[in-house]
C-alpha atoms as a PDB file:
ATOM      1  CA  MET A   1     159.455  85.999 -33.426  1.00  0.00           C
ATOM      2  CA  ASN A   2     162.324  87.624 -33.318  1.00  0.00           C
ATOM      3  CA  ALA A   3     163.245  90.683 -31.340  1.00  0.00           C
ATOM      4  CA  ASN A   4     163.450  93.055 -34.188  1.00  0.00           C
ATOM      5  CA  GLU A   5     159.604  92.317 -35.264  1.00  0.00           C
ATOM      6  CA  ILE A   6     158.697  92.590 -30.982  1.00  0.00           C
ATOM      7  CA  ASN A   7     160.532  95.968 -30.949  1.00  0.00           C
ATOM      8  CA  PHE A   8     158.743  97.437 -33.849  1.00  0.00           C
ATOM      9  CA  ALA A   9     154.941  95.697 -32.532  1.00  0.00           C
ATOM     10  CA  TYR A  10     155.752  97.324 -29.164  1.00  0.00           C
ATOM     11  CA  ARG A  11     156.482 100.801 -30.995  1.00  0.00           C
ATOM     12  CA  VAL A  12     153.538 100.848 -33.323  1.00  0.00           C
ATOM     13  CA  ARG A  13     151.453 100.014 -30.487  1.00  0.00           C
ATOM     14  CA  HIS A  14     152.912 103.038 -28.769  1.00  0.00           C
ATOM     15  CA  ALA A  15     152.377 104.988 -31.560  1.00  0.00           C
ATOM     16  CA  LEU A  16     148.970 104.151 -31.552  1.00  0.00           C
ATOM     17  CA  ASN A  17     148.317 104.185 -27.829  1.00  0.00           C
ATOM     18  CA  GLU A  18     149.398 108.163 -28.107  1.00  0.00           C
ATOM     19  CA  ASN A  19     147.379 109.238 -31.160  1.00  0.00           C
ATOM     20  CA  LEU A  20     144.463 107.224 -30.106  1.00  0.00           C
ATOM     21  CA  ASP A  21     142.362 110.135 -29.034  1.00  0.00           C
ATOM     22  CA  ARG A  22     143.369 112.040 -32.818  1.00  0.00           C
ATOM     23  CA  LEU A  23     141.725 108.674 -34.296  1.00  0.00           C
ATOM     24  CA  PRO A  24     138.817 108.940 -36.362  1.00  0.00           C
ATOM     25  CA  THR A  25     135.804 106.436 -35.316  1.00  0.00           C
ATOM     26  CA  ALA A  26     135.861 104.583 -38.548  1.00  0.00           C
ATOM     27  CA  THR A  27     139.526 103.985 -37.968  1.00  0.00           C
ATOM     28  CA  VAL A  28     139.570 102.812 -34.728  1.00  0.00           C
ATOM     29  CA  ASP A  29     136.181 100.469 -35.318  1.00  0.00           C
ATOM     30  CA  ARG A  30     138.566  98.829 -38.339  1.00  0.00           C
ATOM     31  CA  LEU A  31     141.834  98.728 -35.993  1.00  0.00           C
ATOM     32  CA  ALA A  32     139.236  96.961 -33.476  1.00  0.00           C
ATOM     33  CA  ALA A  33     137.408  94.302 -36.203  1.00  0.00           C
ATOM     34  CA  ALA A  34     141.093  93.393 -37.007  1.00  0.00           C
ATOM     35  CA  ARG A  35     142.108  92.769 -33.647  1.00  0.00           C
ATOM     36  CA  GLN A  36     139.288  90.529 -32.843  1.00  0.00           C
ATOM     37  CA  ALA A  37     139.889  88.912 -35.852  1.00  0.00           C
ATOM     38  CA  ALA A  38     143.646  87.916 -35.266  1.00  0.00           C
ATOM     39  CA  LEU A  39     142.663  87.049 -32.181  1.00  0.00           C
ATOM     40  CA  SER A  40     140.128  84.329 -33.380  1.00  0.00           C
ATOM     41  CA  ARG A  41     143.243  83.097 -35.364  1.00  0.00           C
ATOM     42  CA  LYS A  42     145.544  82.809 -32.570  1.00  0.00           C
ATOM     43  CA  LYS A  43     146.503  79.288 -31.705  1.00  0.00           C
ATOM     44  CA  PRO A  44     145.265  77.676 -27.788  1.00  0.00           C
ATOM     45  CA  ASP A  45     148.391  77.924 -25.455  1.00  0.00           C
ATOM     46  CA  SER A  46     149.853  74.853 -25.321  1.00  0.00           C
ATOM     47  CA  PRO A  47     150.493  73.444 -21.828  1.00  0.00           C
ATOM     48  CA  ARG A  48     153.804  74.228 -20.083  1.00  0.00           C
ATOM     49  CA  ARG A  49     154.330  71.711 -18.039  1.00  0.00           C
ATOM     50  CA  ILE A  50     155.842  68.072 -18.770  1.00  0.00           C
ATOM     51  CA  HIS A  51     155.384  65.203 -16.402  1.00  0.00           C
ATOM     52  CA  ALA A  52     159.160  63.534 -15.552  1.00  0.00           C
ATOM     53  CA  SER A  53     158.673  60.257 -14.914  1.00  0.00           C
ATOM     54  CA  ARG A  54     162.623  60.101 -12.815  1.00  0.00           C
ATOM     55  CA  PRO A  55     164.562  62.839 -11.892  1.00  0.00           C
ATOM     56  CA  VAL A  56     167.163  64.159 -14.955  1.00  0.00           C
ATOM     57  CA  PHE A  57     170.208  66.155 -13.904  1.00  0.00           C
ATOM     58  CA  ALA A  58     172.125  68.545 -15.990  1.00  0.00           C
ATOM     59  CA  GLY A  59     174.997  67.139 -17.896  1.00  0.00           C
ATOM     60  CA  ALA A  60     173.444  63.490 -17.433  1.00  0.00           C
ATOM     61  CA  ALA A  61     173.120  61.467 -20.875  1.00  0.00           C
ATOM     62  CA  GLY A  62     170.396  60.047 -21.791  1.00  0.00           C
ATOM     63  CA  GLY A  63     169.105  56.563 -22.539  1.00  0.00           C
ATOM     64  CA  TYR A  64     171.607  53.509 -21.878  1.00  0.00           C
ATOM     65  CA  PHE A  65     173.856  56.108 -19.980  1.00  0.00           C
ATOM     66  CA  SER A  66     171.601  57.179 -17.270  1.00  0.00           C
ATOM     67  CA  SER A  67     169.781  53.895 -17.025  1.00  0.00           C
ATOM     68  CA  GLY A  68     172.395  52.143 -14.762  1.00  0.00           C
ATOM     69  CA  ARG A  69     173.288  49.346 -17.119  1.00  0.00           C
ATOM     70  CA  LEU A  70     176.401  51.594 -18.408  1.00  0.00           C
ATOM     71  CA  SER A  71     176.692  54.203 -15.835  1.00  0.00           C
ATOM     72  CA  TRP A  72     180.111  52.291 -15.207  1.00  0.00           C
ATOM     73  CA  LEU A  73     181.416  53.478 -19.061  1.00  0.00           C
ATOM     74  CA  ALA A  74     180.131  56.927 -18.718  1.00  0.00           C
ATOM     75  CA  ARG A  75     182.046  57.306 -15.160  1.00  0.00           C
ATOM     76  CA  MET A  76     185.246  55.566 -16.954  1.00  0.00           C
ATOM     77  CA  GLY A  77     184.794  57.811 -19.888  1.00  0.00           C
ATOM     78  CA  VAL A  78     185.654  60.546 -17.296  1.00  0.00           C
ATOM     79  CA  ALA A  79     188.035  58.606 -14.947  1.00  0.00           C
ATOM     80  CA  LEU A  80     190.536  56.988 -18.296  1.00  0.00           C
ATOM     81  CA  PRO A  81     191.613  60.221 -19.344  1.00  0.00           C
ATOM     82  CA  ILE A  82     191.922  61.432 -15.829  1.00  0.00           C
ATOM     83  CA  ALA A  83     194.159  58.252 -14.733  1.00  0.00           C
ATOM     84  CA  PHE A  84     196.170  58.530 -17.459  1.00  0.00           C
ATOM     85  CA  ALA A  85     197.593  61.568 -17.476  1.00  0.00           C
ATOM     86  CA  ILE A  86     197.868  61.713 -13.402  1.00  0.00           C
ATOM     87  CA  ALA A  87     200.005  58.542 -15.006  1.00  0.00           C
ATOM     88  CA  GLY A  88     201.799  60.511 -17.615  1.00  0.00           C
ATOM     89  CA  VAL A  89     202.548  63.098 -14.898  1.00  0.00           C
ATOM     90  CA  ILE A  90     204.407  60.536 -12.818  1.00  0.00           C
ATOM     91  CA  GLY A  91     206.462  58.962 -15.525  1.00  0.00           C
ATOM     92  CA  ILE A  92     207.449  62.301 -16.436  1.00  0.00           C
ATOM     93  CA  TYR A  93     208.345  63.083 -13.327  1.00  0.00           C
ATOM     94  CA  GLN A  94     210.445  59.859 -12.960  1.00  0.00           C
ATOM     95  CA  VAL A  95     212.241  60.838 -15.787  1.00  0.00           C
ATOM     96  CA  GLU A  96     213.354  63.876 -15.296  1.00  0.00           C
ATOM     97  CA  LYS A  97     214.307  62.803 -11.507  1.00  0.00           C
ATOM     98  CA  GLN A  98     216.712  59.941 -13.193  1.00  0.00           C
ATOM     99  CA  GLU A  99     218.120  62.579 -15.710  1.00  0.00           C
ATOM    100  CA  HIS A 100     218.697  64.685 -12.790  1.00  0.00           C
ATOM    101  CA  ILE A 101     220.460  62.052 -11.198  1.00  0.00           C
ATOM    102  CA  LYS A 102     222.978  60.959 -14.101  1.00  0.00           C
ATOM    103  CA  GLU A 103     224.056  64.284 -14.056  1.00  0.00           C
ATOM    104  CA  LEU A 104     224.871  64.274 -10.629  1.00  0.00           C
ATOM    105  CA  ALA A 105     226.638  61.375 -10.536  1.00  0.00           C
ATOM    106  CA  GLU A 106     228.835  62.593 -13.745  1.00  0.00           C
ATOM    107  CA  ILE A 107     229.908  65.380 -11.942  1.00  0.00           C
ATOM    108  CA  ASP A 108     231.151  63.472  -9.017  1.00  0.00           C
ATOM    109  CA  SER A 109     232.701  60.769 -11.012  1.00  0.00           C
ATOM    110  CA  MET A 110     234.706  63.852 -12.770  1.00  0.00           C
ATOM    111  CA  VAL A 111     235.603  65.218  -9.819  1.00  0.00           C
ATOM    112  CA  LEU A 112     236.893  61.790  -8.347  1.00  0.00           C
ATOM    113  CA  VAL A 113     239.222  61.749 -11.210  1.00  0.00           C
ATOM    114  CA  ASP A 114     240.470  64.516 -11.670  1.00  0.00           C
ATOM    115  CA  GLU A 115     243.231  65.674  -9.514  1.00  0.00           C
ATOM    116  CA  LEU A 116     242.127  68.983  -7.789  1.00  0.00           C
ATOM    117  CA  PRO A 117     243.812  71.385  -5.345  1.00  0.00           C
ATOM    118  CA  LEU A 118     241.536  71.406  -2.144  1.00  0.00           C
ATOM    119  CA  ASP A 119     240.894  75.605  -2.106  1.00  0.00           C
ATOM    120  CA  ALA A 120     239.457  74.561  -5.826  1.00  0.00           C
ATOM    121  CA  TYR A 121     236.405  73.351  -3.439  1.00  0.00           C
ATOM    122  CA  LEU A 122     236.134  76.334  -1.642  1.00  0.00           C
ATOM    123  CA  ASP A 123     235.881  78.554  -4.929  1.00  0.00           C
ATOM    124  CA  HIS A 124     232.247  79.124  -5.699  1.00  0.00           C
ATOM    125  CA  GLY A 125     233.334  79.527  -9.244  1.00  0.00           C
ATOM    126  CA  PHE A 126     233.890  75.787  -9.709  1.00  0.00           C
ATOM    127  CA  ASN A 127     230.544  75.075  -9.015  1.00  0.00           C
ATOM    128  CA  ALA A 128     229.642  77.660 -12.070  1.00  0.00           C
ATOM    129  CA  TYR A 129     232.408  75.364 -14.263  1.00  0.00           C
ATOM    130  CA  LEU A 130     231.659  72.149 -12.860  1.00  0.00           C
ATOM    131  CA  SER A 131     227.599  72.788 -14.059  1.00  0.00           C
ATOM    132  CA  ASN A 132     228.589  74.164 -17.329  1.00  0.00           C
ATOM    133  CA  GLN A 133     231.004  71.061 -18.060  1.00  0.00           C
ATOM    134  CA  ALA A 134     227.684  68.877 -16.849  1.00  0.00           C
ATOM    135  CA  GLU A 135     225.500  70.041 -19.722  1.00  0.00           C
END
């Protein structure tokens, strides 16, 4: 039964209980007989407990993965993507670091090749000029 059917059943029961004193005796007897017939056709309750032969935790895969035979495969299924992600981040960091070193080396070589007055090195705008030239 879904929630709408259960709510409907509760409303009907509530309405019948409110007007129980006003119902004719024949109607009350018929309702009692219908209730008895419905209860006699009800299926017996099934047991709610299930025996677990070994502990099972949420998220544990069934079959081969939880038996221990291939549990290393399940662990590698998590460890390998993490290892690849870490290696990728380290690789990107190294490439960016090398690019930064190349840019600084290019700026240094441009400064060493050009003949500039000493006052140019003290000017703050000169640093901005050098960074614009490197791009």
